Amino acid sequence: MITWVIGRGGLLGSAVSRRTPRQYLPGPIPWSDVEAARRVLHEQARGLEAAASGDAWRIVWAAGAATTSTPPEEAMAEVEPLRGLVTGLRSALPSGPGAFFLASSAGGVYAGASPPPFGAETGPAPLSAYGELKLAQEDLAIDVLAGVIPVVVGRLSNLYGPGQNLDKLQGLISRLALSAATQQPINIFVPLETIRDYLYVDDAAREVLAATEDPTAPGASVRIIASGQPATVAQLIRTMSLVAKRRVPVALGSHPSATAQSLDLRLIPTAPLRAITPLAAGMKNVYFDILSRLQQDALVG
């Protein structure tokens, strides 16, 4: 099977790529230019037929830069590159069996839902442009492709792991690790009793690949991919302090994006995970990754 991972530079995309030895690598995508990205993805999708050569194939969409603080117009612009991909694929569908996986966000989709915990049957209730974006991408992929190939929408819980991009306002565990390593206070914008489901990225990557391993009949399915083991922000702070063997300096503050955050986002996984990395073990990996990156920066500087 040949795999095309779109968003290979991100946390999830890189984890999926590490587990797929045979990949379709058509070239860079000009993400900074939305219209150019749409055109490039449209043409790259049309080139997948030659790369697959009649064999089984799958596409994993793990791209995206938006967060809960992204303005509406900027967030919704991310629909267009996906439109280029799915329309290009539909117009030149490879002959072998294939499947499409869309990485969506349980947090974005269910931010305003009630009561928790939330499963695949829970009605979406986004509170931010980010959540609206994810729903629009889900609808687009299903509308264009579900009639011709299997489409799996994976509503993922909060992913964490080594290598997370710290330039975006996300990644609480990575930011806690950075705060512990540098002893610079981390600003927390939500109550310490806020509950989230945290999933180690390698565990998520296994589920993504398993969901598309055996393409069957066309259609769409929605899956909640989560650990099923919720944790509070306070618990994360305590665990990081234990892992790092030093205090995590915390400053409580406010941010407009906090209004789009649910206090309780417990999730019901659609199926048990094949493996669950214990939270403390995963957080330790993140902490040592942050230390390594800081040391490398010091050497380069």
Protein backbone atom coordinates (compact mmCIF):
# COMPACT_ATOMS: atom_id res chain seq x y z
CA MET A 1 0.00 0.00 0.00
CA ILE A 2 1.22 3.48 -0.85
CA THR A 3 0.45 6.31 1.58
CA TRP A 4 0.21 10.02 0.91
CA VAL A 5 0.50 12.05 4.12
CA ILE A 6 -0.44 15.69 3.71
CA GLY A 7 0.97 17.72 6.57
CA ARG A 8 4.07 15.54 7.10
CA GLY A 9 5.81 18.35 8.95
CA GLY A 10 3.23 18.49 11.75
CA LEU A 11 3.00 16.47 14.93
CA LEU A 12 0.51 13.89 13.65
CA GLY A 13 1.68 13.86 10.05
CA SER A 14 5.29 13.18 11.00
CA ALA A 15 4.24 10.33 13.32
CA VAL A 16 2.16 8.73 10.56
CA SER A 17 4.99 9.17 8.05
CA ARG A 18 7.44 7.36 10.30
CA ARG A 19 5.22 4.27 10.10
CA THR A 20 4.68 4.20 6.34
CA PRO A 21 7.71 2.96 4.41
CA ARG A 22 6.10 3.39 0.98
CA GLN A 23 4.96 6.96 0.45
CA TYR A 24 3.78 9.22 -2.34
CA LEU A 25 5.98 12.33 -2.13
CA PRO A 26 4.92 14.64 -4.95
CA GLY A 27 6.67 17.79 -3.76
CA PRO A 28 6.19 20.87 -1.56
CA ILE A 29 2.88 22.65 -1.10
CA PRO A 30 2.81 26.49 -1.02
CA TRP A 31 0.69 26.74 2.13
CA SER A 32 1.24 30.49 2.50
CA ASP A 33 -0.73 31.07 -0.73
CA VAL A 34 -4.16 29.49 -0.31
CA GLU A 35 -5.10 29.55 -4.00
CA ALA A 36 -1.71 28.18 -5.06
CA ALA A 37 -1.98 25.43 -2.46
CA ARG A 38 -5.41 24.50 -3.81
CA ARG A 39 -4.07 24.24 -7.39
CA VAL A 40 -0.97 22.27 -6.40
CA LEU A 41 -2.95 19.77 -4.33
CA HIS A 42 -5.44 19.35 -7.17
CA GLU A 43 -2.64 18.38 -9.56
CA GLN A 44 -0.82 16.23 -7.04
CA ALA A 45 -4.02 14.28 -6.40
CA ARG A 46 -4.30 13.60 -10.11
CA GLY A 47 -0.76 12.21 -10.06
CA LEU A 48 -1.46 9.58 -7.42
CA GLU A 49 -2.71 7.07 -10.01
CA ALA A 50 0.74 6.70 -11.56
CA ALA A 51 2.44 6.40 -8.18
CA ALA A 52 0.01 3.73 -6.92
CA SER A 53 0.30 1.68 -10.14
CA GLY A 54 -2.92 -0.19 -9.40
CA ASP A 55 -1.94 -1.06 -5.81
CA ALA A 56 -3.90 -0.13 -2.67
CA TRP A 57 -3.48 3.47 -1.54
CA ARG A 58 -4.55 5.84 1.19
CA ILE A 59 -4.43 9.56 1.83
CA VAL A 60 -4.05 11.01 5.32
CA TRP A 61 -4.95 14.69 5.67
CA ALA A 62 -3.08 15.94 8.75
CA ALA A 63 -2.47 19.51 7.61
CA GLY A 64 -3.55 22.76 9.20
CA ALA A 65 -2.25 25.80 11.01
CA ALA A 66 -5.43 27.14 12.61
CA THR A 67 -6.04 27.08 16.37
CA THR A 68 -8.94 28.19 18.58
CA SER A 69 -7.53 31.73 18.51
CA THR A 70 -7.35 31.99 14.69
CA PRO A 71 -9.68 34.67 13.20
CA PRO A 72 -12.66 33.32 11.21
CA GLU A 73 -11.56 34.42 7.73
CA GLU A 74 -8.06 33.03 8.21
CA ALA A 75 -9.36 29.76 9.65
CA MET A 76 -11.96 29.12 6.93
CA ALA A 77 -9.36 29.73 4.22
CA GLU A 78 -7.97 26.30 5.14
CA VAL A 79 -10.98 24.68 3.49
CA GLU A 80 -9.72 25.62 0.02
CA PRO A 81 -6.52 23.53 -0.12
CA LEU A 82 -8.57 20.51 0.97
CA ARG A 83 -11.10 21.32 -1.77
CA GLY A 84 -8.33 21.22 -4.35
CA LEU A 85 -7.22 17.83 -3.09
CA VAL A 86 -10.58 16.09 -2.95
CA THR A 87 -11.83 17.45 -6.29
CA GLY A 88 -8.58 16.47 -7.98
CA LEU A 89 -8.79 13.01 -6.47
CA ARG A 90 -12.42 12.59 -7.50
CA SER A 91 -11.61 13.55 -11.10
CA ALA A 92 -8.71 11.10 -11.42
CA LEU A 93 -9.38 8.34 -8.92
CA PRO A 94 -6.59 5.72 -8.79
CA SER A 95 -7.66 2.30 -10.04
CA GLY A 96 -6.57 0.36 -6.95
CA PRO A 97 -8.53 0.19 -3.69
CA GLY A 98 -8.12 3.34 -1.64
CA ALA A 99 -9.26 5.27 1.42
CA PHE A 100 -9.17 8.82 2.72
CA PHE A 101 -8.54 9.82 6.33
CA LEU A 102 -9.31 13.33 7.56
CA ALA A 103 -7.79 14.39 10.87
CA SER A 104 -10.40 16.52 12.63
CA SER A 105 -10.60 17.88 16.19
CA ALA A 106 -12.87 16.55 18.91
CA GLY A 107 -12.10 19.63 21.00
CA GLY A 108 -13.07 22.00 18.21
CA VAL A 109 -16.19 20.10 17.20
CA TYR A 110 -17.59 19.46 20.71
CA ALA A 111 -16.51 22.64 22.51
CA GLY A 112 -20.10 23.73 23.11
CA ALA A 113 -21.71 20.31 23.45
CA SER A 114 -23.37 19.06 26.62
CA PRO A 115 -23.32 16.93 28.66
CA PRO A 116 -19.94 15.13 28.57
CA PRO A 117 -18.56 12.64 27.81
CA PHE A 118 -18.84 12.98 24.03
CA GLY A 119 -18.89 10.18 21.48
CA ALA A 120 -19.24 9.86 17.72
CA GLU A 121 -23.03 10.18 18.02
CA THR A 122 -22.83 13.51 19.89
CA GLY A 123 -24.08 16.44 17.85
CA PRO A 124 -21.35 18.94 16.92
CA ALA A 125 -21.42 22.28 18.75
CA PRO A 126 -18.34 24.36 17.90
CA LEU A 127 -17.64 27.60 19.75
CA SER A 128 -14.84 28.95 17.53
CA ALA A 129 -13.96 29.50 13.90
CA TYR A 130 -11.50 26.63 14.34
CA GLY A 131 -14.34 24.25 15.19
CA GLU A 132 -16.41 25.56 12.29
CA LEU A 133 -13.43 24.97 10.00
CA LYS A 134 -13.12 21.36 11.10
CA LEU A 135 -16.80 20.72 10.48
CA ALA A 136 -16.57 22.36 7.04
CA GLN A 137 -13.63 20.14 6.14
CA GLU A 138 -15.48 17.05 7.34
CA ASP A 139 -18.54 17.95 5.24
CA LEU A 140 -16.42 18.68 2.17
CA ALA A 141 -14.50 15.39 2.29
CA ILE A 142 -17.68 13.38 2.81
CA ASP A 143 -19.68 15.22 0.14
CA VAL A 144 -17.02 14.81 -2.55
CA LEU A 145 -15.51 11.41 -1.79
CA ALA A 146 -17.87 9.25 0.28
CA GLY A 147 -19.72 8.06 -2.80
CA VAL A 148 -16.59 6.63 -4.40
CA ILE A 149 -14.15 5.57 -1.64
CA PRO A 150 -14.18 4.98 2.12
CA VAL A 151 -13.83 8.25 4.03
CA VAL A 152 -12.81 8.12 7.70
CA VAL A 153 -13.18 11.27 9.78
CA GLY A 154 -11.03 10.98 12.88
CA ARG A 155 -12.05 13.41 15.62
CA LEU A 156 -8.87 13.36 17.63
CA SER A 157 -8.43 14.37 21.25
CA ASN A 158 -5.57 16.62 22.38
CA LEU A 159 -2.43 15.21 20.79
CA TYR A 160 0.96 15.62 22.41
CA GLY A 161 4.45 14.29 21.84
CA PRO A 162 8.05 15.22 21.06
CA GLY A 163 8.64 17.76 18.33
CA GLN A 164 5.48 19.83 18.70
CA ASN A 165 5.53 23.29 17.14
CA LEU A 166 5.76 25.85 19.95
CA ASP A 167 5.10 28.82 17.69
CA LYS A 168 1.33 28.25 17.84
CA LEU A 169 -0.91 28.88 20.84
CA GLN A 170 -1.41 25.19 21.56
CA GLY A 171 0.36 22.19 23.05
CA LEU A 172 -0.10 22.60 26.80
CA ILE A 173 2.10 19.63 27.67
CA SER A 174 4.96 20.88 25.49
CA ARG A 175 4.63 24.34 27.02
CA LEU A 176 4.67 22.91 30.53
CA ALA A 177 7.85 21.05 29.61
CA LEU A 178 9.39 24.25 28.25
CA SER A 179 8.44 26.12 31.40
CA ALA A 180 9.94 23.41 33.60
CA ALA A 181 13.16 23.41 31.57
CA THR A 182 13.62 27.18 31.40
CA GLN A 183 11.87 28.13 34.66
CA GLN A 184 9.99 30.80 32.73
CA PRO A 185 6.35 30.99 33.89
CA ILE A 186 3.69 29.51 31.66
CA ASN A 187 0.48 31.51 31.26
CA ILE A 188 -2.60 29.35 31.89
CA PHE A 189 -5.78 30.85 30.44
CA VAL A 190 -8.32 28.25 31.62
CA PRO A 191 -9.29 27.01 35.11
CA LEU A 192 -6.95 24.40 36.57
CA GLU A 193 -9.89 21.96 36.84
CA THR A 194 -10.38 22.04 33.04
CA ILE A 195 -10.58 18.44 31.77
CA ARG A 196 -9.13 17.17 28.51
CA ASP A 197 -8.30 13.82 26.94
CA TYR A 198 -4.59 13.68 26.07
CA LEU A 199 -3.36 11.19 23.47
CA TYR A 200 0.27 10.43 22.71
CA VAL A 201 0.88 11.11 19.03
CA ASP A 202 2.41 7.70 18.25
CA ASP A 203 -0.70 6.01 19.64
CA ALA A 204 -2.84 8.26 17.44
CA ALA A 205 -0.75 7.45 14.36
CA ARG A 206 -1.34 3.72 14.87
CA GLU A 207 -5.09 4.30 14.95
CA VAL A 208 -5.02 6.48 11.83
CA LEU A 209 -3.21 3.81 9.84
CA ALA A 210 -5.37 0.99 11.18
CA ALA A 211 -8.52 2.87 10.17
CA THR A 212 -7.37 2.90 6.53
CA GLU A 213 -5.48 -0.41 6.40
CA ASP A 214 -8.17 -2.42 4.66
CA PRO A 215 -10.20 -0.28 2.26
CA THR A 216 -13.72 -1.64 1.79
CA ALA A 217 -16.93 -0.24 0.35
CA PRO A 218 -17.40 3.49 -0.28
CA GLY A 219 -19.02 5.45 2.51
CA ALA A 220 -18.19 7.67 5.48
CA SER A 221 -17.54 6.96 9.13
CA VAL A 222 -16.77 9.22 12.08
CA ARG A 223 -14.43 7.91 14.76
CA ILE A 224 -13.45 9.39 18.12
CA ILE A 225 -9.75 8.70 18.54
CA ALA A 226 -8.88 9.35 22.17
CA SER A 227 -7.25 7.74 25.19
CA GLY A 228 -10.45 7.66 27.20
CA GLN A 229 -8.32 8.70 30.20
CA PRO A 230 -9.09 12.37 30.97
CA ALA A 231 -6.81 14.60 33.00
CA THR A 232 -7.13 18.08 34.50
CA VAL A 233 -4.73 20.94 33.90
CA ALA A 234 -3.73 20.72 37.57
CA GLN A 235 -2.88 17.04 37.10
CA LEU A 236 -0.66 17.88 34.12
CA ILE A 237 1.20 20.49 36.14
CA ARG A 238 1.80 18.03 38.99
CA THR A 239 2.91 15.27 36.61
CA MET A 240 5.33 17.53 34.76
CA SER A 241 6.84 18.66 38.07
CA LEU A 242 7.42 15.02 39.01
CA VAL A 243 8.84 14.15 35.59
CA ALA A 244 11.18 17.15 35.47
CA LYS A 245 12.01 16.92 39.19
CA ARG A 246 11.52 20.66 39.47
CA ARG A 247 8.67 23.10 39.95
CA VAL A 248 6.70 24.30 36.94
CA PRO A 249 6.20 28.07 37.35
CA VAL A 250 2.60 28.95 36.47
CA ALA A 251 0.92 32.33 35.94
CA LEU A 252 -2.86 32.44 35.70
CA GLY A 253 -4.10 34.87 33.08
CA SER A 254 -6.76 35.48 30.45
CA HIS A 255 -6.97 35.27 26.67
CA PRO A 256 -9.90 35.79 24.25
CA SER A 257 -9.54 32.19 22.99
CA ALA A 258 -10.54 30.91 26.44
CA THR A 259 -14.17 31.67 25.65
CA ALA A 260 -14.05 28.90 23.02
CA GLN A 261 -12.79 26.36 25.53
CA SER A 262 -15.04 23.84 27.29
CA LEU A 263 -14.46 23.10 30.96
CA ASP A 264 -15.05 19.36 30.48
CA LEU A 265 -14.13 17.59 27.24
CA ARG A 266 -14.18 13.94 28.25
CA LEU A 267 -14.47 11.67 25.23
CA ILE A 268 -15.70 8.15 24.48
CA PRO A 269 -13.32 6.44 22.03
CA THR A 270 -15.09 4.68 19.18
CA ALA A 271 -12.87 1.63 19.78
CA PRO A 272 -10.22 0.72 22.36
CA LEU A 273 -6.74 1.86 21.35
CA ARG A 274 -4.20 -0.72 20.29
CA ALA A 275 -1.72 0.84 22.71
CA ILE A 276 -1.91 3.65 25.24
CA THR A 277 1.28 5.38 26.34
CA PRO A 278 0.94 6.25 30.05
CA LEU A 279 0.60 9.99 30.53
CA ALA A 280 3.68 10.27 32.75
CA ALA A 281 5.80 8.32 30.25
CA GLY A 282 4.64 10.44 27.34
CA MET A 283 5.21 13.66 29.26
CA LYS A 284 8.71 12.51 30.16
CA ASN A 285 9.46 12.00 26.46
CA VAL A 286 8.24 15.51 25.74
CA TYR A 287 10.32 17.01 28.54
CA PHE A 288 13.55 15.38 27.37
CA ASP A 289 12.79 16.41 23.79
CA ILE A 290 12.44 20.02 24.94
CA LEU A 291 15.73 19.78 26.85
CA SER A 292 17.44 18.41 23.75
CA ARG A 293 16.06 21.19 21.56
CA LEU A 294 17.16 23.85 24.02
CA GLN A 295 20.66 22.36 24.21
CA GLN A 296 20.85 22.22 20.42
CA ASP A 297 19.79 25.85 20.18
CA ALA A 298 22.48 26.79 22.69
CA LEU A 299 25.12 24.96 20.66
CA VAL A 300 24.00 26.61 17.44
CA GLY A 301 23.86 30.02 19.10
